[in-house]
Protein backbone atom coordinates (compact mmCIF):
# COMPACT_ATOMS: atom_id res chain seq x y z
CA MET A 1 -116.13 -5.81 -26.70
CA GLU A 2 -118.42 -8.41 -24.92
CA TYR A 3 -116.91 -11.90 -22.98
CA PRO A 4 -118.65 -14.30 -21.43
CA ALA A 5 -116.67 -14.43 -17.84
CA GLY A 6 -118.54 -17.83 -15.87
CA ASN A 7 -121.53 -18.52 -15.13
CA ASP A 8 -124.01 -15.65 -15.49
CA GLN A 9 -121.77 -13.36 -15.61
CA LYS A 10 -119.52 -11.35 -18.72
CA LEU A 11 -116.80 -8.87 -18.42
CA VAL A 12 -117.73 -5.77 -21.38
CA VAL A 13 -113.85 -3.54 -22.13
CA TYR A 14 -114.10 -0.27 -23.06
CA VAL A 15 -111.06 2.10 -24.42
CA SER A 16 -111.35 5.56 -25.04
CA SER A 17 -110.20 7.67 -27.29
CA ASP A 18 -106.72 9.53 -27.29
CA ASP A 19 -107.28 12.82 -28.89
CA GLY A 20 -103.43 13.30 -26.77
CA GLY A 21 -105.20 15.04 -23.70
CA PRO A 22 -105.79 13.39 -20.97
CA VAL A 23 -108.55 10.98 -20.89
CA ASP A 24 -111.69 12.24 -19.82
CA PHE A 25 -113.27 10.02 -17.05
CA ASP A 26 -117.02 12.10 -17.20
CA GLU A 27 -117.55 10.31 -20.64
CA ILE A 28 -116.11 6.91 -20.04
CA MET A 29 -118.82 6.92 -16.65
CA LEU A 30 -121.42 8.21 -18.64
CA ALA A 31 -120.80 5.20 -21.00
CA PHE A 32 -120.53 2.59 -18.24
CA SER A 33 -124.63 3.81 -16.60
CA GLU A 34 -125.53 3.99 -20.15
CA GLU A 35 -123.99 -0.04 -20.79
CA ALA A 36 -125.37 -0.77 -17.08
CA ALA A 37 -128.90 0.71 -17.35
CA ARG A 38 -129.12 -0.79 -20.81
CA LEU A 39 -128.08 -4.57 -19.10
CA GLU A 40 -130.08 -3.84 -15.93
CA ARG A 41 -133.58 -4.25 -18.13
CA ASP A 42 -131.79 -7.77 -18.33
CA GLY A 43 -131.44 -8.83 -15.40
CA TRP A 44 -127.48 -7.66 -15.85
CA GLN A 45 -125.77 -5.66 -12.65
CA ILE A 46 -122.16 -4.56 -12.25
CA VAL A 47 -120.52 -6.36 -10.22
CA SER A 48 -117.00 -4.73 -10.24
CA THR A 49 -114.53 -2.61 -12.57
CA SER A 50 -110.88 -1.83 -13.48
CA VAL A 51 -108.63 0.43 -15.40
CA LEU A 52 -105.74 0.07 -17.70
CA PRO A 53 -102.73 2.46 -18.47
CA MET A 54 -103.04 2.33 -22.60
CA ARG A 55 -100.89 4.91 -22.59
CA GLN A 56 -99.63 8.47 -21.30
CA THR A 57 -97.11 11.12 -21.08
CA GLY A 58 -94.39 11.06 -18.53
CA THR A 59 -92.92 8.82 -15.81
CA ALA A 60 -95.79 5.47 -15.68
CA GLY A 61 -95.93 6.13 -12.29
CA ASN A 62 -97.79 10.01 -11.95
CA MET A 63 -100.58 8.73 -14.93
CA PHE A 64 -102.86 9.91 -13.28
CA PHE A 65 -101.84 12.45 -10.82
CA GLN A 66 -101.86 14.60 -13.49
CA SER A 67 -99.02 16.13 -11.96
CA GLY A 68 -96.87 18.62 -13.87
CA GLY A 69 -98.07 17.70 -17.35
CA GLN A 70 -98.56 13.86 -17.05
CA PHE A 71 -101.25 12.36 -17.98
CA ALA A 72 -102.95 9.07 -18.92
CA THR A 73 -103.95 9.83 -22.55
CA LYS A 74 -105.77 6.24 -23.04
CA ALA A 75 -107.16 3.82 -21.57
CA GLY A 76 -108.97 0.58 -21.45
CA PHE A 77 -112.16 -0.22 -18.97
CA ALA A 78 -113.20 -3.22 -17.78
CA VAL A 79 -116.98 -4.18 -16.46
CA VAL A 80 -118.00 -7.39 -14.66
CA PHE A 81 -121.78 -7.76 -15.01
CA GLY A 82 -123.33 -10.13 -12.79
CA ARG A 83 -126.82 -11.27 -13.49
CA ARG A 84 -128.85 -11.57 -10.42
């Protein structure tokens, strides 16, 4: 999903699938890089990124450390693109 984010910026939101296992960050980074390469042709570049855990097992404090069977199973990722 894309949202306008002010002058010469847009926010692109990605949400990982949730199959009950750990979030596949390689899959998400591949999606980011493919999107960035596509948008770069039109003068856009990544300005910043952020992640929001949406579903996890275990305690909230350990969701990204994947220790003791605790891990994020779904996450949302926001990427801000700016036009050069």
